[in-house]
Amino acid sequence: VGTYVLARRHFGRAAALAAAALFAANPWAVEYARK
């Protein structure tokens, strides 16, 4: 959510939604967030 807020304020809607979606699905991020 914070990634979306940061990108939305400074880089626009498309960049914000894309960055948040990639963060949400990234296997490295997901794996480390489960431990």
PDB file of all heavy atoms in Angstrom:
ATOM      1  N   VAL A   1       0.839  -1.200   0.000  1.00  0.00           N
ATOM      2  CA  VAL A   1       0.000   0.000   0.000  1.00  0.00           C
ATOM      3  C   VAL A   1       0.877   1.253   0.000  1.00  0.00           C
ATOM      4  O   VAL A   1       0.610   2.223  -0.731  1.00  0.00           O
ATOM      5  CB  VAL A   1      -0.946   0.003   1.207  1.00  0.00           C
ATOM      6  CG1 VAL A   1      -1.782   1.274   1.239  1.00  0.00           C
ATOM      7  CG2 VAL A   1      -1.853  -1.224   1.181  1.00  0.00           C
ATOM      8  N   GLY A   2       1.925   1.241   0.810  1.00  0.00           N
ATOM      9  CA  GLY A   2       2.831   2.380   0.852  1.00  0.00           C
ATOM     10  C   GLY A   2       3.526   2.616  -0.478  1.00  0.00           C
ATOM     11  O   GLY A   2       3.771   3.764  -0.873  1.00  0.00           O
ATOM     12  N   THR A   3       3.848   1.546  -1.181  1.00  0.00           N
ATOM     13  CA  THR A   3       4.452   1.668  -2.507  1.00  0.00           C
ATOM     14  C   THR A   3       3.504   2.374  -3.467  1.00  0.00           C
ATOM     15  O   THR A   3       3.909   3.258  -4.238  1.00  0.00           O
ATOM     16  CB  THR A   3       4.806   0.275  -3.055  1.00  0.00           C
ATOM     17  OG1 THR A   3       5.748  -0.349  -2.176  1.00  0.00           O
ATOM     18  CG2 THR A   3       5.394   0.366  -4.452  1.00  0.00           C
ATOM     19  N   TYR A   4       2.246   1.994  -3.406  1.00  0.00           N
ATOM     20  CA  TYR A   4       1.241   2.654  -4.244  1.00  0.00           C
ATOM     21  C   TYR A   4       1.143   4.143  -3.907  1.00  0.00           C
ATOM     22  O   TYR A   4       1.128   4.993  -4.808  1.00  0.00           O
ATOM     23  CB  TYR A   4      -0.122   1.981  -4.059  1.00  0.00           C
ATOM     24  CG  TYR A   4      -1.265   2.805  -4.598  1.00  0.00           C
ATOM     25  CD1 TYR A   4      -1.572   2.812  -5.951  1.00  0.00           C
ATOM     26  CD2 TYR A   4      -2.025   3.613  -3.736  1.00  0.00           C
ATOM     27  CE1 TYR A   4      -2.602   3.599  -6.445  1.00  0.00           C
ATOM     28  CE2 TYR A   4      -3.059   4.391  -4.223  1.00  0.00           C
ATOM     29  CZ  TYR A   4      -3.342   4.386  -5.578  1.00  0.00           C
ATOM     30  OH  TYR A   4      -4.346   5.168  -6.065  1.00  0.00           O
ATOM     31  N   VAL A   5       1.089   4.469  -2.616  1.00  0.00           N
ATOM     32  CA  VAL A   5       0.949   5.870  -2.196  1.00  0.00           C
ATOM     33  C   VAL A   5       2.154   6.684  -2.662  1.00  0.00           C
ATOM     34  O   VAL A   5       2.011   7.796  -3.203  1.00  0.00           O
ATOM     35  CB  VAL A   5       0.785   5.960  -0.669  1.00  0.00           C
ATOM     36  CG1 VAL A   5       0.807   7.414  -0.206  1.00  0.00           C
ATOM     37  CG2 VAL A   5      -0.510   5.282  -0.232  1.00  0.00           C
ATOM     38  N   LEU A   6       3.342   6.137  -2.484  1.00  0.00           N
ATOM     39  CA  LEU A   6       4.561   6.846  -2.884  1.00  0.00           C
ATOM     40  C   LEU A   6       4.581   7.097  -4.394  1.00  0.00           C
ATOM     41  O   LEU A   6       4.825   8.226  -4.852  1.00  0.00           O
ATOM     42  CB  LEU A   6       5.784   6.031  -2.460  1.00  0.00           C
ATOM     43  CG  LEU A   6       7.153   6.543  -2.908  1.00  0.00           C
ATOM     44  CD1 LEU A   6       7.402   7.948  -2.373  1.00  0.00           C
ATOM     45  CD2 LEU A   6       8.258   5.596  -2.459  1.00  0.00           C
ATOM     46  N   ALA A   7       4.318   6.043  -5.169  1.00  0.00           N
ATOM     47  CA  ALA A   7       4.356   6.189  -6.623  1.00  0.00           C
ATOM     48  C   ALA A   7       3.208   7.056  -7.129  1.00  0.00           C
ATOM     49  O   ALA A   7       3.371   7.824  -8.079  1.00  0.00           O
ATOM     50  CB  ALA A   7       4.308   4.811  -7.283  1.00  0.00           C
ATOM     51  N   ARG A   8       2.045   6.948  -6.515  1.00  0.00           N
ATOM     52  CA  ARG A   8       0.881   7.732  -6.968  1.00  0.00           C
ATOM     53  C   ARG A   8       1.122   9.228  -6.786  1.00  0.00           C
ATOM     54  O   ARG A   8       0.740  10.035  -7.641  1.00  0.00           O
ATOM     55  CB  ARG A   8      -0.354   7.309  -6.169  1.00  0.00           C
ATOM     56  CG  ARG A   8      -1.663   7.947  -6.653  1.00  0.00           C
ATOM     57  CD  ARG A   8      -2.009   7.439  -8.033  1.00  0.00           C
ATOM     58  NE  ARG A   8      -3.304   7.917  -8.495  1.00  0.00           N
ATOM     59  CZ  ARG A   8      -3.485   9.044  -9.191  1.00  0.00           C
ATOM     60  NH1 ARG A   8      -2.453   9.828  -9.451  1.00  0.00           N
ATOM     61  NH2 ARG A   8      -4.704   9.380  -9.606  1.00  0.00           N
ATOM     62  N   ARG A   9       1.749   9.601  -5.703  1.00  0.00           N
ATOM     63  CA  ARG A   9       1.987  11.018  -5.434  1.00  0.00           C
ATOM     64  C   ARG A   9       3.025  11.619  -6.366  1.00  0.00           C
ATOM     65  O   ARG A   9       2.948  12.805  -6.709  1.00  0.00           O
ATOM     66  CB  ARG A   9       2.442  11.208  -3.980  1.00  0.00           C
ATOM     67  CG  ARG A   9       1.356  11.005  -2.950  1.00  0.00           C
ATOM     68  CD  ARG A   9       1.916  11.157  -1.543  1.00  0.00           C
ATOM     69  NE  ARG A   9       0.881  10.981  -0.542  1.00  0.00           N
ATOM     70  CZ  ARG A   9       1.110  10.956   0.767  1.00  0.00           C
ATOM     71  NH1 ARG A   9       2.357  11.111   1.219  1.00  0.00           N
ATOM     72  NH2 ARG A   9       0.130  10.779   1.621  1.00  0.00           N
ATOM     73  N   HIS A  10       4.013  10.819  -6.764  1.00  0.00           N
ATOM     74  CA  HIS A  10       5.162  11.390  -7.451  1.00  0.00           C
ATOM     75  C   HIS A  10       5.354  10.900  -8.887  1.00  0.00           C
ATOM     76  O   HIS A  10       6.076  11.557  -9.650  1.00  0.00           O
ATOM     77  CB  HIS A  10       6.432  11.109  -6.650  1.00  0.00           C
ATOM     78  CG  HIS A  10       6.397  11.670  -5.267  1.00  0.00           C
ATOM     79  ND1 HIS A  10       6.577  13.014  -4.995  1.00  0.00           N
ATOM     80  CD2 HIS A  10       6.171  11.074  -4.055  1.00  0.00           C
ATOM     81  CE1 HIS A  10       6.486  13.225  -3.693  1.00  0.00           C
ATOM     82  NE2 HIS A  10       6.239  12.072  -3.103  1.00  0.00           N
ATOM     83  N   PHE A  11       4.733   9.778  -9.273  1.00  0.00           N
ATOM     84  CA  PHE A  11       4.956   9.243 -10.612  1.00  0.00           C
ATOM     85  C   PHE A  11       3.666   8.906 -11.361  1.00  0.00           C
ATOM     86  O   PHE A  11       3.721   8.443 -12.498  1.00  0.00           O
ATOM     87  CB  PHE A  11       5.849   8.000 -10.542  1.00  0.00           C
ATOM     88  CG  PHE A  11       7.195   8.263  -9.929  1.00  0.00           C
ATOM     89  CD1 PHE A  11       7.487   7.824  -8.646  1.00  0.00           C
ATOM     90  CD2 PHE A  11       8.153   8.979 -10.622  1.00  0.00           C
ATOM     91  CE1 PHE A  11       8.725   8.085  -8.069  1.00  0.00           C
ATOM     92  CE2 PHE A  11       9.399   9.250 -10.060  1.00  0.00           C
ATOM     93  CZ  PHE A  11       9.677   8.799  -8.777  1.00  0.00           C
ATOM     94  N   GLY A  12       2.517   9.086 -10.733  1.00  0.00           N
ATOM     95  CA  GLY A  12       1.270   8.912 -11.451  1.00  0.00           C
ATOM     96  C   GLY A  12       0.576   7.588 -11.199  1.00  0.00           C
ATOM     97  O   GLY A  12       1.114   6.672 -10.575  1.00  0.00           O
ATOM     98  N   ARG A  13      -0.644   7.501 -11.712  1.00  0.00           N
ATOM     99  CA  ARG A  13      -1.522   6.351 -11.463  1.00  0.00           C
ATOM    100  C   ARG A  13      -0.979   5.062 -12.054  1.00  0.00           C
ATOM    101  O   ARG A  13      -0.969   4.027 -11.402  1.00  0.00           O
ATOM    102  CB  ARG A  13      -2.907   6.658 -12.038  1.00  0.00           C
ATOM    103  CG  ARG A  13      -3.901   5.511 -11.927  1.00  0.00           C
ATOM    104  CD  ARG A  13      -5.258   5.963 -12.432  1.00  0.00           C
ATOM    105  NE  ARG A  13      -5.170   6.482 -13.800  1.00  0.00           N
ATOM    106  CZ  ARG A  13      -6.116   7.203 -14.385  1.00  0.00           C
ATOM    107  NH1 ARG A  13      -7.206   7.527 -13.714  1.00  0.00           N
ATOM    108  NH2 ARG A  13      -5.971   7.626 -15.622  1.00  0.00           N
ATOM    109  N   ALA A  14      -0.548   5.112 -13.313  1.00  0.00           N
ATOM    110  CA  ALA A  14      -0.091   3.892 -13.981  1.00  0.00           C
ATOM    111  C   ALA A  14       1.122   3.301 -13.269  1.00  0.00           C
ATOM    112  O   ALA A  14       1.189   2.090 -13.014  1.00  0.00           O
ATOM    113  CB  ALA A  14       0.240   4.183 -15.446  1.00  0.00           C
ATOM    114  N   ALA A  15       2.095   4.149 -12.944  1.00  0.00           N
ATOM    115  CA  ALA A  15       3.295   3.677 -12.248  1.00  0.00           C
ATOM    116  C   ALA A  15       2.944   3.111 -10.878  1.00  0.00           C
ATOM    117  O   ALA A  15       3.520   2.101 -10.435  1.00  0.00           O
ATOM    118  CB  ALA A  15       4.300   4.813 -12.112  1.00  0.00           C
ATOM    119  N   ALA A  16       1.991   3.741 -10.192  1.00  0.00           N
ATOM    120  CA  ALA A  16       1.622   3.310  -8.840  1.00  0.00           C
ATOM    121  C   ALA A  16       0.977   1.932  -8.854  1.00  0.00           C
ATOM    122  O   ALA A  16       1.349   1.037  -8.080  1.00  0.00           O
ATOM    123  CB  ALA A  16       0.684   4.327  -8.211  1.00  0.00           C
ATOM    124  N   LEU A  17      -0.009   1.732  -9.722  1.00  0.00           N
ATOM    125  CA  LEU A  17      -0.689   0.438  -9.770  1.00  0.00           C
ATOM    126  C   LEU A  17       0.245  -0.657 -10.260  1.00  0.00           C
ATOM    127  O   LEU A  17       0.209  -1.792  -9.763  1.00  0.00           O
ATOM    128  CB  LEU A  17      -1.916   0.536 -10.676  1.00  0.00           C
ATOM    129  CG  LEU A  17      -3.072   1.396 -10.143  1.00  0.00           C
ATOM    130  CD1 LEU A  17      -4.169   1.521 -11.182  1.00  0.00           C
ATOM    131  CD2 LEU A  17      -3.630   0.810  -8.845  1.00  0.00           C
ATOM    132  N   ALA A  18       1.093  -0.346 -11.241  1.00  0.00           N
ATOM    133  CA  ALA A  18       2.027  -1.343 -11.751  1.00  0.00           C
ATOM    134  C   ALA A  18       3.028  -1.755 -10.677  1.00  0.00           C
ATOM    135  O   ALA A  18       3.298  -2.949 -10.474  1.00  0.00           O
ATOM    136  CB  ALA A  18       2.753  -0.800 -12.979  1.00  0.00           C
ATOM    137  N   ALA A  19       3.599  -0.773  -9.963  1.00  0.00           N
ATOM    138  CA  ALA A  19       4.578  -1.078  -8.919  1.00  0.00           C
ATOM    139  C   ALA A  19       3.953  -1.900  -7.801  1.00  0.00           C
ATOM    140  O   ALA A  19       4.555  -2.878  -7.312  1.00  0.00           O
ATOM    141  CB  ALA A  19       5.162   0.214  -8.366  1.00  0.00           C
ATOM    142  N   ALA A  20       2.751  -1.528  -7.375  1.00  0.00           N
ATOM    143  CA  ALA A  20       2.082  -2.278  -6.306  1.00  0.00           C
ATOM    144  C   ALA A  20       1.775  -3.700  -6.743  1.00  0.00           C
ATOM    145  O   ALA A  20       1.937  -4.654  -5.964  1.00  0.00           O
ATOM    146  CB  ALA A  20       0.805  -1.557  -5.899  1.00  0.00           C
ATOM    147  N   ALA A  21       1.327  -3.876  -8.000  1.00  0.00           N
ATOM    148  CA  ALA A  21       0.988  -5.220  -8.489  1.00  0.00           C
ATOM    149  C   ALA A  21       2.221  -6.105  -8.544  1.00  0.00           C
ATOM    150  O   ALA A  21       2.168  -7.292  -8.172  1.00  0.00           O
ATOM    151  CB  ALA A  21       0.342  -5.111  -9.869  1.00  0.00           C
ATOM    152  N   LEU A  22       3.336  -5.568  -8.999  1.00  0.00           N
ATOM    153  CA  LEU A  22       4.560  -6.363  -9.092  1.00  0.00           C
ATOM    154  C   LEU A  22       5.103  -6.715  -7.715  1.00  0.00           C
ATOM    155  O   LEU A  22       5.595  -7.823  -7.497  1.00  0.00           O
ATOM    156  CB  LEU A  22       5.602  -5.600  -9.903  1.00  0.00           C
ATOM    157  CG  LEU A  22       5.259  -5.412 -11.386  1.00  0.00           C
ATOM    158  CD1 LEU A  22       6.240  -4.470 -12.050  1.00  0.00           C
ATOM    159  CD2 LEU A  22       5.238  -6.754 -12.100  1.00  0.00           C
ATOM    160  N   PHE A  23       5.017  -5.781  -6.783  1.00  0.00           N
ATOM    161  CA  PHE A  23       5.438  -6.061  -5.407  1.00  0.00           C
ATOM    162  C   PHE A  23       4.555  -7.151  -4.800  1.00  0.00           C
ATOM    163  O   PHE A  23       5.041  -8.050  -4.102  1.00  0.00           O
ATOM    164  CB  PHE A  23       5.353  -4.776  -4.598  1.00  0.00           C
ATOM    165  CG  PHE A  23       6.033  -4.833  -3.253  1.00  0.00           C
ATOM    166  CD1 PHE A  23       6.710  -5.957  -2.813  1.00  0.00           C
ATOM    167  CD2 PHE A  23       6.002  -3.728  -2.412  1.00  0.00           C
ATOM    168  CE1 PHE A  23       7.343  -5.991  -1.574  1.00  0.00           C
ATOM    169  CE2 PHE A  23       6.619  -3.746  -1.171  1.00  0.00           C
ATOM    170  CZ  PHE A  23       7.289  -4.883  -0.756  1.00  0.00           C
ATOM    171  N   ALA A  24       3.269  -7.088  -5.060  1.00  0.00           N
ATOM    172  CA  ALA A  24       2.333  -8.044  -4.470  1.00  0.00           C
ATOM    173  C   ALA A  24       2.604  -9.466  -4.924  1.00  0.00           C
ATOM    174  O   ALA A  24       2.421 -10.418  -4.155  1.00  0.00           O
ATOM    175  CB  ALA A  24       0.895  -7.649  -4.827  1.00  0.00           C
ATOM    176  N   ALA A  25       3.056  -9.645  -6.181  1.00  0.00           N
ATOM    177  CA  ALA A  25       3.176 -10.989  -6.751  1.00  0.00           C
ATOM    178  C   ALA A  25       4.609 -11.498  -6.800  1.00  0.00           C
ATOM    179  O   ALA A  25       4.823 -12.675  -7.141  1.00  0.00           O
ATOM    180  CB  ALA A  25       2.590 -11.002  -8.164  1.00  0.00           C
ATOM    181  N   ASN A  26       5.588 -10.681  -6.491  1.00  0.00           N
ATOM    182  CA  ASN A  26       6.981 -11.095  -6.635  1.00  0.00           C
ATOM    183  C   ASN A  26       7.316 -12.276  -5.719  1.00  0.00           C
ATOM    184  O   ASN A  26       7.115 -12.198  -4.502  1.00  0.00           O
ATOM    185  CB  ASN A  26       7.902  -9.919  -6.311  1.00  0.00           C
ATOM    186  CG  ASN A  26       9.355 -10.276  -6.481  1.00  0.00           C
ATOM    187  OD1 ASN A  26      10.016 -10.655  -5.517  1.00  0.00           O
ATOM    188  ND2 ASN A  26       9.867 -10.159  -7.696  1.00  0.00           N
ATOM    189  N   PRO A  27       7.841 -13.384  -6.265  1.00  0.00           N
ATOM    190  CA  PRO A  27       8.103 -14.574  -5.430  1.00  0.00           C
ATOM    191  C   PRO A  27       9.103 -14.335  -4.307  1.00  0.00           C
ATOM    192  O   PRO A  27       8.955 -14.881  -3.217  1.00  0.00           O
ATOM    193  CB  PRO A  27       8.635 -15.592  -6.444  1.00  0.00           C
ATOM    194  CG  PRO A  27       8.104 -15.149  -7.760  1.00  0.00           C
ATOM    195  CD  PRO A  27       8.080 -13.654  -7.693  1.00  0.00           C
ATOM    196  N   TRP A  28      10.139 -13.529  -4.585  1.00  0.00           N
ATOM    197  CA  TRP A  28      11.107 -13.235  -3.529  1.00  0.00           C
ATOM    198  C   TRP A  28      10.429 -12.504  -2.368  1.00  0.00           C
ATOM    199  O   TRP A  28      10.620 -12.869  -1.195  1.00  0.00           O
ATOM    200  CB  TRP A  28      12.232 -12.359  -4.083  1.00  0.00           C
ATOM    201  CG  TRP A  28      13.096 -12.993  -5.108  1.00  0.00           C
ATOM    202  CD1 TRP A  28      12.857 -13.050  -6.450  1.00  0.00           C
ATOM    203  CD2 TRP A  28      14.347 -13.653  -4.896  1.00  0.00           C
ATOM    204  NE1 TRP A  28      13.888 -13.694  -7.090  1.00  0.00           N
ATOM    205  CE2 TRP A  28      14.825 -14.067  -6.161  1.00  0.00           C
ATOM    206  CE3 TRP A  28      15.124 -13.908  -3.783  1.00  0.00           C
ATOM    207  CZ2 TRP A  28      16.033 -14.741  -6.325  1.00  0.00           C
ATOM    208  CZ3 TRP A  28      16.331 -14.574  -3.937  1.00  0.00           C
ATOM    209  CH2 TRP A  28      16.780 -14.988  -5.189  1.00  0.00           C
ATOM    210  N   ALA A  29       9.657 -11.480  -2.693  1.00  0.00           N
ATOM    211  CA  ALA A  29       8.977 -10.709  -1.657  1.00  0.00           C
ATOM    212  C   ALA A  29       7.993 -11.581  -0.891  1.00  0.00           C
ATOM    213  O   ALA A  29       7.907 -11.523   0.343  1.00  0.00           O
ATOM    214  CB  ALA A  29       8.256  -9.519  -2.287  1.00  0.00           C
ATOM    215  N   VAL A  30       7.238 -12.404  -1.626  1.00  0.00           N
ATOM    216  CA  VAL A  30       6.239 -13.270  -0.987  1.00  0.00           C
ATOM    217  C   VAL A  30       6.917 -14.276  -0.068  1.00  0.00           C
ATOM    218  O   VAL A  30       6.474 -14.498   1.072  1.00  0.00           O
ATOM    219  CB  VAL A  30       5.388 -13.984  -2.054  1.00  0.00           C
ATOM    220  CG1 VAL A  30       4.466 -14.997  -1.393  1.00  0.00           C
ATOM    221  CG2 VAL A  30       4.576 -12.978  -2.850  1.00  0.00           C
ATOM    222  N   GLU A  31       7.983 -14.883  -0.520  1.00  0.00           N
ATOM    223  CA  GLU A  31       8.675 -15.905   0.276  1.00  0.00           C
ATOM    224  C   GLU A  31       9.190 -15.334   1.580  1.00  0.00           C
ATOM    225  O   GLU A  31       9.013 -15.913   2.658  1.00  0.00           O
ATOM    226  CB  GLU A  31       9.829 -16.502  -0.532  1.00  0.00           C
ATOM    227  CG  GLU A  31      10.506 -17.685   0.143  1.00  0.00           C
ATOM    228  CD  GLU A  31       9.611 -18.916   0.196  1.00  0.00           C
ATOM    229  OE1 GLU A  31       8.994 -19.243  -0.826  1.00  0.00           O
ATOM    230  OE2 GLU A  31       9.555 -19.563   1.271  1.00  0.00           O
ATOM    231  N   TYR A  32       9.816 -14.173   1.517  1.00  0.00           N
ATOM    232  CA  TYR A  32      10.360 -13.566   2.731  1.00  0.00           C
ATOM    233  C   TYR A  32       9.262 -13.019   3.636  1.00  0.00           C
ATOM    234  O   TYR A  32       9.490 -12.839   4.845  1.00  0.00           O
ATOM    235  CB  TYR A  32      11.330 -12.444   2.368  1.00  0.00           C
ATOM    236  CG  TYR A  32      12.700 -12.931   1.958  1.00  0.00           C
ATOM    237  CD1 TYR A  32      13.220 -12.672   0.695  1.00  0.00           C
ATOM    238  CD2 TYR A  32      13.482 -13.664   2.841  1.00  0.00           C
ATOM    239  CE1 TYR A  32      14.481 -13.112   0.320  1.00  0.00           C
ATOM    240  CE2 TYR A  32      14.747 -14.116   2.484  1.00  0.00           C
ATOM    241  CZ  TYR A  32      15.239 -13.838   1.225  1.00  0.00           C
ATOM    242  OH  TYR A  32      16.486 -14.284   0.857  1.00  0.00           O
ATOM    243  N   ALA A  33       8.080 -12.743   3.084  1.00  0.00           N
ATOM    244  CA  ALA A  33       6.981 -12.219   3.898  1.00  0.00           C
ATOM    245  C   ALA A  33       6.223 -13.314   4.619  1.00  0.00           C
ATOM    246  O   ALA A  33       5.339 -13.014   5.429  1.00  0.00           O
ATOM    247  CB  ALA A  33       6.009 -11.429   3.014  1.00  0.00           C
ATOM    248  N   ARG A  34       6.542 -14.564   4.367  1.00  0.00           N
ATOM    249  CA  ARG A  34       5.840 -15.682   5.002  1.00  0.00           C
ATOM    250  C   ARG A  34       6.636 -16.267   6.166  1.00  0.00           C
ATOM    251  O   ARG A  34       6.171 -17.207   6.805  1.00  0.00           O
ATOM    252  CB  ARG A  34       5.601 -16.774   3.956  1.00  0.00           C
ATOM    253  CG  ARG A  34       4.651 -16.370   2.842  1.00  0.00           C
ATOM    254  CD  ARG A  34       4.770 -17.291   1.647  1.00  0.00           C
ATOM    255  NE  ARG A  34       4.639 -18.676   2.003  1.00  0.00           N
ATOM    256  CZ  ARG A  34       3.478 -19.351   2.102  1.00  0.00           C
ATOM    257  NH1 ARG A  34       2.339 -18.707   1.861  1.00  0.00           N
ATOM    258  NH2 ARG A  34       3.455 -20.619   2.415  1.00  0.00           N
ATOM    259  N   LYS A  35       7.778 -15.726   6.404  1.00  0.00           N
ATOM    260  CA  LYS A  35       8.692 -16.324   7.375  1.00  0.00           C
ATOM    261  C   LYS A  35       8.930 -15.383   8.543  1.00  0.00           C
ATOM    262  O   LYS A  35       9.129 -14.176   8.355  1.00  0.00           O
ATOM    263  CB  LYS A  35      10.020 -16.639   6.675  1.00  0.00           C
ATOM    264  CG  LYS A  35      11.065 -17.284   7.569  1.00  0.00           C
ATOM    265  CD  LYS A  35      12.332 -17.526   6.772  1.00  0.00           C
ATOM    266  CE  LYS A  35      13.421 -18.138   7.638  1.00  0.00           C
ATOM    267  NZ  LYS A  35      14.679 -18.331   6.898  1.00  0.00           N
TER     268      LYS A  35
END
